[in-house]
Amino acid sequence: SGIGKKTASNLTNYLHSKVKDRLQS
């Protein structure tokens, strides 16, 4: 995507559990 490395890391770390929970539900 070209998204900055720091931003990409923040997104994957912060949203991992939230996205996983929402997909499962």
mmCIF file of all heavy atoms, coordinates in Angstrom:
data_MODEL
# 
_entry.id   MODEL 
# 
loop_
_atom_site.group_PDB 
_atom_site.id 
_atom_site.type_symbol 
_atom_site.label_atom_id 
_atom_site.label_alt_id 
_atom_site.label_comp_id 
_atom_site.label_asym_id 
_atom_site.label_entity_id 
_atom_site.label_seq_id 
_atom_site.pdbx_PDB_ins_code 
_atom_site.Cartn_x 
_atom_site.Cartn_y 
_atom_site.Cartn_z 
_atom_site.occupancy 
_atom_site.B_iso_or_equiv 
_atom_site.pdbx_formal_charge 
_atom_site.auth_seq_id 
_atom_site.auth_comp_id 
_atom_site.auth_asym_id 
_atom_site.auth_atom_id 
_atom_site.pdbx_PDB_model_num 
ATOM 1   N N   . SER A 1 1  ? 0.793   -1.226  0.000  1.00 0.00 ? 1  SER A N   1 
ATOM 2   C CA  . SER A 1 1  ? 0.000   0.000   0.000  1.00 0.00 ? 1  SER A CA  1 
ATOM 3   C C   . SER A 1 1  ? 0.825   1.275   0.000  1.00 0.00 ? 1  SER A C   1 
ATOM 4   O O   . SER A 1 1  ? 0.339   2.339   -0.373 1.00 0.00 ? 1  SER A O   1 
ATOM 5   C CB  . SER A 1 1  ? -0.920  0.016   1.226  1.00 0.00 ? 1  SER A CB  1 
ATOM 6   O OG  . SER A 1 1  ? -0.149  0.136   2.411  1.00 0.00 ? 1  SER A OG  1 
ATOM 7   N N   . GLY A 1 2  ? 2.072   1.184   0.456  1.00 0.00 ? 2  GLY A N   1 
ATOM 8   C CA  . GLY A 1 2  ? 2.868   2.400   0.607  1.00 0.00 ? 2  GLY A CA  1 
ATOM 9   C C   . GLY A 1 2  ? 2.623   3.111   1.922  1.00 0.00 ? 2  GLY A C   1 
ATOM 10  O O   . GLY A 1 2  ? 3.205   4.166   2.189  1.00 0.00 ? 2  GLY A O   1 
ATOM 11  N N   . ILE A 1 3  ? 1.770   2.549   2.767  1.00 0.00 ? 3  ILE A N   1 
ATOM 12  C CA  . ILE A 1 3  ? 1.554   3.103   4.108  1.00 0.00 ? 3  ILE A CA  1 
ATOM 13  C C   . ILE A 1 3  ? 2.872   3.021   4.873  1.00 0.00 ? 3  ILE A C   1 
ATOM 14  O O   . ILE A 1 3  ? 3.602   2.037   4.777  1.00 0.00 ? 3  ILE A O   1 
ATOM 15  C CB  . ILE A 1 3  ? 0.452   2.312   4.852  1.00 0.00 ? 3  ILE A CB  1 
ATOM 16  C CG1 . ILE A 1 3  ? -0.903  2.541   4.189  1.00 0.00 ? 3  ILE A CG1 1 
ATOM 17  C CG2 . ILE A 1 3  ? 0.375   2.695   6.322  1.00 0.00 ? 3  ILE A CG2 1 
ATOM 18  C CD1 . ILE A 1 3  ? -2.005  1.664   4.723  1.00 0.00 ? 3  ILE A CD1 1 
ATOM 19  N N   . GLY A 1 4  ? 3.189   4.062   5.643  1.00 0.00 ? 4  GLY A N   1 
ATOM 20  C CA  . GLY A 1 4  ? 4.437   4.092   6.388  1.00 0.00 ? 4  GLY A CA  1 
ATOM 21  C C   . GLY A 1 4  ? 4.595   2.892   7.310  1.00 0.00 ? 4  GLY A C   1 
ATOM 22  O O   . GLY A 1 4  ? 3.615   2.335   7.812  1.00 0.00 ? 4  GLY A O   1 
ATOM 23  N N   . LYS A 1 5  ? 5.842   2.492   7.539  1.00 0.00 ? 5  LYS A N   1 
ATOM 24  C CA  . LYS A 1 5  ? 6.110   1.304   8.356  1.00 0.00 ? 5  LYS A CA  1 
ATOM 25  C C   . LYS A 1 5  ? 5.561   1.456   9.771  1.00 0.00 ? 5  LYS A C   1 
ATOM 26  O O   . LYS A 1 5  ? 5.015   0.511   10.333 1.00 0.00 ? 5  LYS A O   1 
ATOM 27  C CB  . LYS A 1 5  ? 7.609   1.025   8.388  1.00 0.00 ? 5  LYS A CB  1 
ATOM 28  C CG  . LYS A 1 5  ? 8.171   0.517   7.077  1.00 0.00 ? 5  LYS A CG  1 
ATOM 29  C CD  . LYS A 1 5  ? 9.631   0.121   7.215  1.00 0.00 ? 5  LYS A CD  1 
ATOM 30  C CE  . LYS A 1 5  ? 10.164  -0.469  5.921  1.00 0.00 ? 5  LYS A CE  1 
ATOM 31  N NZ  . LYS A 1 5  ? 11.590  -0.888  6.060  1.00 0.00 ? 5  LYS A NZ  1 
ATOM 32  N N   . LYS A 1 6  ? 5.723   2.626   10.367 1.00 0.00 ? 6  LYS A N   1 
ATOM 33  C CA  . LYS A 1 6  ? 5.245   2.845   11.738 1.00 0.00 ? 6  LYS A CA  1 
ATOM 34  C C   . LYS A 1 6  ? 3.726   2.753   11.800 1.00 0.00 ? 6  LYS A C   1 
ATOM 35  O O   . LYS A 1 6  ? 3.166   2.120   12.693 1.00 0.00 ? 6  LYS A O   1 
ATOM 36  C CB  . LYS A 1 6  ? 5.718   4.190   12.258 1.00 0.00 ? 6  LYS A CB  1 
ATOM 37  C CG  . LYS A 1 6  ? 5.344   4.450   13.717 1.00 0.00 ? 6  LYS A CG  1 
ATOM 38  C CD  . LYS A 1 6  ? 5.921   5.764   14.211 1.00 0.00 ? 6  LYS A CD  1 
ATOM 39  C CE  . LYS A 1 6  ? 5.541   5.995   15.679 1.00 0.00 ? 6  LYS A CE  1 
ATOM 40  N NZ  . LYS A 1 6  ? 6.090   7.289   16.163 1.00 0.00 ? 6  LYS A NZ  1 
ATOM 41  N N   . THR A 1 7  ? 3.058   3.381   10.825 1.00 0.00 ? 7  THR A N   1 
ATOM 42  C CA  . THR A 1 7  ? 1.595   3.334   10.786 1.00 0.00 ? 7  THR A CA  1 
ATOM 43  C C   . THR A 1 7  ? 1.101   1.908   10.561 1.00 0.00 ? 7  THR A C   1 
ATOM 44  O O   . THR A 1 7  ? 0.168   1.449   11.219 1.00 0.00 ? 7  THR A O   1 
ATOM 45  C CB  . THR A 1 7  ? 1.061   4.250   9.666  1.00 0.00 ? 7  THR A CB  1 
ATOM 46  O OG1 . THR A 1 7  ? 1.440   5.598   9.936  1.00 0.00 ? 7  THR A OG1 1 
ATOM 47  C CG2 . THR A 1 7  ? -0.462  4.174   9.583  1.00 0.00 ? 7  THR A CG2 1 
ATOM 48  N N   . ALA A 1 8  ? 1.738   1.201   9.631  1.00 0.00 ? 8  ALA A N   1 
ATOM 49  C CA  . ALA A 1 8  ? 1.353   -0.187  9.352  1.00 0.00 ? 8  ALA A CA  1 
ATOM 50  C C   . ALA A 1 8  ? 1.509   -1.047  10.600 1.00 0.00 ? 8  ALA A C   1 
ATOM 51  O O   . ALA A 1 8  ? 0.652   -1.888  10.905 1.00 0.00 ? 8  ALA A O   1 
ATOM 52  C CB  . ALA A 1 8  ? 2.197   -0.745  8.204  1.00 0.00 ? 8  ALA A CB  1 
ATOM 53  N N   . SER A 1 9  ? 2.588   -0.841  11.337 1.00 0.00 ? 9  SER A N   1 
ATOM 54  C CA  . SER A 1 9  ? 2.818   -1.606  12.563 1.00 0.00 ? 9  SER A CA  1 
ATOM 55  C C   . SER A 1 9  ? 1.770   -1.287  13.620 1.00 0.00 ? 9  SER A C   1 
ATOM 56  O O   . SER A 1 9  ? 1.248   -2.184  14.297 1.00 0.00 ? 9  SER A O   1 
ATOM 57  C CB  . SER A 1 9  ? 4.219   -1.310  13.107 1.00 0.00 ? 9  SER A CB  1 
ATOM 58  O OG  . SER A 1 9  ? 4.476   -2.046  14.285 1.00 0.00 ? 9  SER A OG  1 
ATOM 59  N N   . ASN A 1 10 ? 1.450   -0.004  13.753 1.00 0.00 ? 10 ASN A N   1 
ATOM 60  C CA  . ASN A 1 10 ? 0.430   0.404   14.730 1.00 0.00 ? 10 ASN A CA  1 
ATOM 61  C C   . ASN A 1 10 ? -0.928  -0.228  14.407 1.00 0.00 ? 10 ASN A C   1 
ATOM 62  O O   . ASN A 1 10 ? -1.638  -0.705  15.298 1.00 0.00 ? 10 ASN A O   1 
ATOM 63  C CB  . ASN A 1 10 ? 0.292   1.926   14.749 1.00 0.00 ? 10 ASN A CB  1 
ATOM 64  C CG  . ASN A 1 10 ? 1.456   2.606   15.434 1.00 0.00 ? 10 ASN A CG  1 
ATOM 65  O OD1 . ASN A 1 10 ? 2.191   1.983   16.197 1.00 0.00 ? 10 ASN A OD1 1 
ATOM 66  N ND2 . ASN A 1 10 ? 1.634   3.886   15.161 1.00 0.00 ? 10 ASN A ND2 1 
ATOM 67  N N   . LEU A 1 11 ? -1.284  -0.224  13.120 1.00 0.00 ? 11 LEU A N   1 
ATOM 68  C CA  . LEU A 1 11 ? -2.581  -0.773  12.707 1.00 0.00 ? 11 LEU A CA  1 
ATOM 69  C C   . LEU A 1 11 ? -2.662  -2.270  12.984 1.00 0.00 ? 11 LEU A C   1 
ATOM 70  O O   . LEU A 1 11 ? -3.652  -2.753  13.546 1.00 0.00 ? 11 LEU A O   1 
ATOM 71  C CB  . LEU A 1 11 ? -2.815  -0.516  11.213 1.00 0.00 ? 11 LEU A CB  1 
ATOM 72  C CG  . LEU A 1 11 ? -2.968  0.938   10.767 1.00 0.00 ? 11 LEU A CG  1 
ATOM 73  C CD1 . LEU A 1 11 ? -3.131  1.004   9.257  1.00 0.00 ? 11 LEU A CD1 1 
ATOM 74  C CD2 . LEU A 1 11 ? -4.142  1.607   11.454 1.00 0.00 ? 11 LEU A CD2 1 
ATOM 75  N N   . THR A 1 12 ? -1.632  -3.004  12.591 1.00 0.00 ? 12 THR A N   1 
ATOM 76  C CA  . THR A 1 12 ? -1.676  -4.455  12.755 1.00 0.00 ? 12 THR A CA  1 
ATOM 77  C C   . THR A 1 12 ? -1.643  -4.849  14.230 1.00 0.00 ? 12 THR A C   1 
ATOM 78  O O   . THR A 1 12 ? -2.318  -5.803  14.639 1.00 0.00 ? 12 THR A O   1 
ATOM 79  C CB  . THR A 1 12 ? -0.515  -5.132  12.004 1.00 0.00 ? 12 THR A CB  1 
ATOM 80  O OG1 . THR A 1 12 ? 0.731   -4.563  12.420 1.00 0.00 ? 12 THR A OG1 1 
ATOM 81  C CG2 . THR A 1 12 ? -0.673  -4.942  10.502 1.00 0.00 ? 12 THR A CG2 1 
ATOM 82  N N   . ASN A 1 13 ? -0.871  -4.130  15.025 1.00 0.00 ? 13 ASN A N   1 
ATOM 83  C CA  . ASN A 1 13 ? -0.775  -4.464  16.451 1.00 0.00 ? 13 ASN A CA  1 
ATOM 84  C C   . ASN A 1 13 ? -2.054  -4.103  17.201 1.00 0.00 ? 13 ASN A C   1 
ATOM 85  O O   . ASN A 1 13 ? -2.569  -4.900  17.994 1.00 0.00 ? 13 ASN A O   1 
ATOM 86  C CB  . ASN A 1 13 ? 0.412   -3.737  17.090 1.00 0.00 ? 13 ASN A CB  1 
ATOM 87  C CG  . ASN A 1 13 ? 1.743   -4.280  16.627 1.00 0.00 ? 13 ASN A CG  1 
ATOM 88  O OD1 . ASN A 1 13 ? 1.843   -5.427  16.202 1.00 0.00 ? 13 ASN A OD1 1 
ATOM 89  N ND2 . ASN A 1 13 ? 2.775   -3.451  16.690 1.00 0.00 ? 13 ASN A ND2 1 
ATOM 90  N N   . TYR A 1 14 ? -2.573  -2.913  16.950 1.00 0.00 ? 14 TYR A N   1 
ATOM 91  C CA  . TYR A 1 14 ? -3.709  -2.431  17.738 1.00 0.00 ? 14 TYR A CA  1 
ATOM 92  C C   . TYR A 1 14 ? -5.018  -3.099  17.346 1.00 0.00 ? 14 TYR A C   1 
ATOM 93  O O   . TYR A 1 14 ? -5.880  -3.352  18.197 1.00 0.00 ? 14 TYR A O   1 
ATOM 94  C CB  . TYR A 1 14 ? -3.834  -0.907  17.589 1.00 0.00 ? 14 TYR A CB  1 
ATOM 95  C CG  . TYR A 1 14 ? -4.812  -0.301  18.563 1.00 0.00 ? 14 TYR A CG  1 
ATOM 96  C CD1 . TYR A 1 14 ? -4.416  0.039   19.854 1.00 0.00 ? 14 TYR A CD1 1 
ATOM 97  C CD2 . TYR A 1 14 ? -6.138  -0.079  18.210 1.00 0.00 ? 14 TYR A CD2 1 
ATOM 98  C CE1 . TYR A 1 14 ? -5.301  0.588   20.770 1.00 0.00 ? 14 TYR A CE1 1 
ATOM 99  C CE2 . TYR A 1 14 ? -7.041  0.458   19.111 1.00 0.00 ? 14 TYR A CE2 1 
ATOM 100 C CZ  . TYR A 1 14 ? -6.614  0.797   20.390 1.00 0.00 ? 14 TYR A CZ  1 
ATOM 101 O OH  . TYR A 1 14 ? -7.512  1.328   21.293 1.00 0.00 ? 14 TYR A OH  1 
ATOM 102 N N   . LEU A 1 15 ? -5.178  -3.408  16.048 1.00 0.00 ? 15 LEU A N   1 
ATOM 103 C CA  . LEU A 1 15 ? -6.473  -3.895  15.575 1.00 0.00 ? 15 LEU A CA  1 
ATOM 104 C C   . LEU A 1 15 ? -6.552  -5.408  15.437 1.00 0.00 ? 15 LEU A C   1 
ATOM 105 O O   . LEU A 1 15 ? -7.627  -5.943  15.134 1.00 0.00 ? 15 LEU A O   1 
ATOM 106 C CB  . LEU A 1 15 ? -6.811  -3.246  14.220 1.00 0.00 ? 15 LEU A CB  1 
ATOM 107 C CG  . LEU A 1 15 ? -7.114  -1.746  14.267 1.00 0.00 ? 15 LEU A CG  1 
ATOM 108 C CD1 . LEU A 1 15 ? -7.349  -1.221  12.854 1.00 0.00 ? 15 LEU A CD1 1 
ATOM 109 C CD2 . LEU A 1 15 ? -8.320  -1.445  15.151 1.00 0.00 ? 15 LEU A CD2 1 
ATOM 110 N N   . HIS A 1 16 ? -5.457  -6.114  15.645 1.00 0.00 ? 16 HIS A N   1 
ATOM 111 C CA  . HIS A 1 16 ? -5.457  -7.562  15.430 1.00 0.00 ? 16 HIS A CA  1 
ATOM 112 C C   . HIS A 1 16 ? -6.579  -8.268  16.199 1.00 0.00 ? 16 HIS A C   1 
ATOM 113 O O   . HIS A 1 16 ? -7.406  -8.974  15.611 1.00 0.00 ? 16 HIS A O   1 
ATOM 114 C CB  . HIS A 1 16 ? -4.110  -8.156  15.831 1.00 0.00 ? 16 HIS A CB  1 
ATOM 115 C CG  . HIS A 1 16 ? -4.083  -9.655  15.774 1.00 0.00 ? 16 HIS A CG  1 
ATOM 116 N ND1 . HIS A 1 16 ? -4.113  -10.355 14.583 1.00 0.00 ? 16 HIS A ND1 1 
ATOM 117 C CD2 . HIS A 1 16 ? -4.067  -10.595 16.756 1.00 0.00 ? 16 HIS A CD2 1 
ATOM 118 C CE1 . HIS A 1 16 ? -4.104  -11.649 14.839 1.00 0.00 ? 16 HIS A CE1 1 
ATOM 119 N NE2 . HIS A 1 16 ? -4.077  -11.832 16.144 1.00 0.00 ? 16 HIS A NE2 1 
ATOM 120 N N   . SER A 1 17 ? -6.636  -8.076  17.497 1.00 0.00 ? 17 SER A N   1 
ATOM 121 C CA  . SER A 1 17 ? -7.640  -8.776  18.305 1.00 0.00 ? 17 SER A CA  1 
ATOM 122 C C   . SER A 1 17 ? -9.051  -8.292  17.996 1.00 0.00 ? 17 SER A C   1 
ATOM 123 O O   . SER A 1 17 ? -10.005 -9.074  17.992 1.00 0.00 ? 17 SER A O   1 
ATOM 124 C CB  . SER A 1 17 ? -7.339  -8.603  19.797 1.00 0.00 ? 17 SER A CB  1 
ATOM 125 O OG  . SER A 1 17 ? -7.380  -7.234  20.171 1.00 0.00 ? 17 SER A OG  1 
ATOM 126 N N   . LYS A 1 18 ? -9.189  -7.004  17.699 1.00 0.00 ? 18 LYS A N   1 
ATOM 127 C CA  . LYS A 1 18 ? -10.513 -6.438  17.409 1.00 0.00 ? 18 LYS A CA  1 
ATOM 128 C C   . LYS A 1 18 ? -11.071 -6.997  16.102 1.00 0.00 ? 18 LYS A C   1 
ATOM 129 O O   . LYS A 1 18 ? -12.256 -7.370  16.028 1.00 0.00 ? 18 LYS A O   1 
ATOM 130 C CB  . LYS A 1 18 ? -10.426 -4.912  17.358 1.00 0.00 ? 18 LYS A CB  1 
ATOM 131 C CG  . LYS A 1 18 ? -10.118 -4.260  18.710 1.00 0.00 ? 18 LYS A CG  1 
ATOM 132 C CD  . LYS A 1 18 ? -9.999  -2.762  18.564 1.00 0.00 ? 18 LYS A CD  1 
ATOM 133 C CE  . LYS A 1 18 ? -9.846  -2.089  19.937 1.00 0.00 ? 18 LYS A CE  1 
ATOM 134 N NZ  . LYS A 1 18 ? -8.653  -2.578  20.677 1.00 0.00 ? 18 LYS A NZ  1 
ATOM 135 N N   . VAL A 1 19 ? -10.232 -7.057  15.078 1.00 0.00 ? 19 VAL A N   1 
ATOM 136 C CA  . VAL A 1 19 ? -10.676 -7.604  13.793 1.00 0.00 ? 19 VAL A CA  1 
ATOM 137 C C   . VAL A 1 19 ? -10.976 -9.097  13.926 1.00 0.00 ? 19 VAL A C   1 
ATOM 138 O O   . VAL A 1 19 ? -11.994 -9.588  13.413 1.00 0.00 ? 19 VAL A O   1 
ATOM 139 C CB  . VAL A 1 19 ? -9.605  -7.362  12.705 1.00 0.00 ? 19 VAL A CB  1 
ATOM 140 C CG1 . VAL A 1 19 ? -9.935  -8.158  11.434 1.00 0.00 ? 19 VAL A CG1 1 
ATOM 141 C CG2 . VAL A 1 19 ? -9.519  -5.876  12.369 1.00 0.00 ? 19 VAL A CG2 1 
ATOM 142 N N   . LYS A 1 20 ? -10.120 -9.807  14.621 1.00 0.00 ? 20 LYS A N   1 
ATOM 143 C CA  . LYS A 1 20 ? -10.323 -11.247 14.815 1.00 0.00 ? 20 LYS A CA  1 
ATOM 144 C C   . LYS A 1 20 ? -11.640 -11.525 15.528 1.00 0.00 ? 20 LYS A C   1 
ATOM 145 O O   . LYS A 1 20 ? -12.420 -12.392 15.117 1.00 0.00 ? 20 LYS A O   1 
ATOM 146 C CB  . LYS A 1 20 ? -9.159  -11.825 15.623 1.00 0.00 ? 20 LYS A CB  1 
ATOM 147 C CG  . LYS A 1 20 ? -9.215  -13.335 15.787 1.00 0.00 ? 20 LYS A CG  1 
ATOM 148 C CD  . LYS A 1 20 ? -7.986  -13.845 16.526 1.00 0.00 ? 20 LYS A CD  1 
ATOM 149 C CE  . LYS A 1 20 ? -8.031  -15.351 16.701 1.00 0.00 ? 20 LYS A CE  1 
ATOM 150 N NZ  . LYS A 1 20 ? -6.833  -15.849 17.434 1.00 0.00 ? 20 LYS A NZ  1 
ATOM 151 N N   . ASP A 1 21 ? -11.908 -10.771 16.593 1.00 0.00 ? 21 ASP A N   1 
ATOM 152 C CA  . ASP A 1 21 ? -13.149 -10.966 17.349 1.00 0.00 ? 21 ASP A CA  1 
ATOM 153 C C   . ASP A 1 21 ? -14.373 -10.657 16.500 1.00 0.00 ? 21 ASP A C   1 
ATOM 154 O O   . ASP A 1 21 ? -15.380 -11.375 16.552 1.00 0.00 ? 21 ASP A O   1 
ATOM 155 C CB  . ASP A 1 21 ? -13.149 -10.081 18.599 1.00 0.00 ? 21 ASP A CB  1 
ATOM 156 C CG  . ASP A 1 21 ? -12.147 -10.548 19.644 1.00 0.00 ? 21 ASP A CG  1 
ATOM 157 O OD1 . ASP A 1 21 ? -11.673 -11.688 19.539 1.00 0.00 ? 21 ASP A OD1 1 
ATOM 158 O OD2 . ASP A 1 21 ? -11.823 -9.749  20.552 1.00 0.00 ? 21 ASP A OD2 1 
ATOM 159 N N   . ARG A 1 22 ? -14.297 -9.590  15.699 1.00 0.00 ? 22 ARG A N   1 
ATOM 160 C CA  . ARG A 1 22 ? -15.451 -9.199  14.891 1.00 0.00 ? 22 ARG A CA  1 
ATOM 161 C C   . ARG A 1 22 ? -15.718 -10.184 13.764 1.00 0.00 ? 22 ARG A C   1 
ATOM 162 O O   . ARG A 1 22 ? -16.870 -10.438 13.416 1.00 0.00 ? 22 ARG A O   1 
ATOM 163 C CB  . ARG A 1 22 ? -15.250 -7.785  14.343 1.00 0.00 ? 22 ARG A CB  1 
ATOM 164 C CG  . ARG A 1 22 ? -15.260 -6.711  15.420 1.00 0.00 ? 22 ARG A CG  1 
ATOM 165 C CD  . ARG A 1 22 ? -15.436 -5.338  14.847 1.00 0.00 ? 22 ARG A CD  1 
ATOM 166 N NE  . ARG A 1 22 ? -15.415 -4.328  15.903 1.00 0.00 ? 22 ARG A NE  1 
ATOM 167 C CZ  . ARG A 1 22 ? -15.890 -3.105  15.771 1.00 0.00 ? 22 ARG A CZ  1 
ATOM 168 N NH1 . ARG A 1 22 ? -16.423 -2.737  14.611 1.00 0.00 ? 22 ARG A NH1 1 
ATOM 169 N NH2 . ARG A 1 22 ? -15.844 -2.251  16.758 1.00 0.00 ? 22 ARG A NH2 1 
ATOM 170 N N   . LEU A 1 23 ? -14.664 -10.720 13.187 1.00 0.00 ? 23 LEU A N   1 
ATOM 171 C CA  . LEU A 1 23 ? -14.853 -11.717 12.136 1.00 0.00 ? 23 LEU A CA  1 
ATOM 172 C C   . LEU A 1 23 ? -15.452 -12.999 12.703 1.00 0.00 ? 23 LEU A C   1 
ATOM 173 O O   . LEU A 1 23 ? -16.335 -13.612 12.105 1.00 0.00 ? 23 LEU A O   1 
ATOM 174 C CB  . LEU A 1 23 ? -13.516 -12.014 11.452 1.00 0.00 ? 23 LEU A CB  1 
ATOM 175 C CG  . LEU A 1 23 ? -13.020 -10.966 10.456 1.00 0.00 ? 23 LEU A CG  1 
ATOM 176 C CD1 . LEU A 1 23 ? -11.611 -11.295 9.998  1.00 0.00 ? 23 LEU A CD1 1 
ATOM 177 C CD2 . LEU A 1 23 ? -13.952 -10.866 9.258  1.00 0.00 ? 23 LEU A CD2 1 
ATOM 178 N N   . GLN A 1 24 ? -14.987 -13.407 13.871 1.00 0.00 ? 24 GLN A N   1 
ATOM 179 C CA  . GLN A 1 24 ? -15.503 -14.623 14.490 1.00 0.00 ? 24 GLN A CA  1 
ATOM 180 C C   . GLN A 1 24 ? -16.962 -14.483 14.897 1.00 0.00 ? 24 GLN A C   1 
ATOM 181 O O   . GLN A 1 24 ? -17.732 -15.448 14.822 1.00 0.00 ? 24 GLN A O   1 
ATOM 182 C CB  . GLN A 1 24 ? -14.647 -14.983 15.711 1.00 0.00 ? 24 GLN A CB  1 
ATOM 183 C CG  . GLN A 1 24 ? -13.261 -15.492 15.347 1.00 0.00 ? 24 GLN A CG  1 
ATOM 184 C CD  . GLN A 1 24 ? -12.399 -15.769 16.558 1.00 0.00 ? 24 GLN A CD  1 
ATOM 185 O OE1 . GLN A 1 24 ? -12.658 -15.282 17.667 1.00 0.00 ? 24 GLN A OE1 1 
ATOM 186 N NE2 . GLN A 1 24 ? -11.351 -16.553 16.371 1.00 0.00 ? 24 GLN A NE2 1 
ATOM 187 N N   . SER A 1 25 ? -17.346 -13.275 15.303 1.00 0.00 ? 25 SER A N   1 
ATOM 188 C CA  . SER A 1 25 ? -18.726 -13.050 15.730 1.00 0.00 ? 25 SER A CA  1 
ATOM 189 C C   . SER A 1 25 ? -19.652 -12.733 14.568 1.00 0.00 ? 25 SER A C   1 
ATOM 190 O O   . SER A 1 25 ? -20.871 -12.669 14.720 1.00 0.00 ? 25 SER A O   1 
ATOM 191 C CB  . SER A 1 25 ? -18.777 -11.904 16.743 1.00 0.00 ? 25 SER A CB  1 
ATOM 192 O OG  . SER A 1 25 ? -18.438 -10.670 16.124 1.00 0.00 ? 25 SER A OG  1 
# 
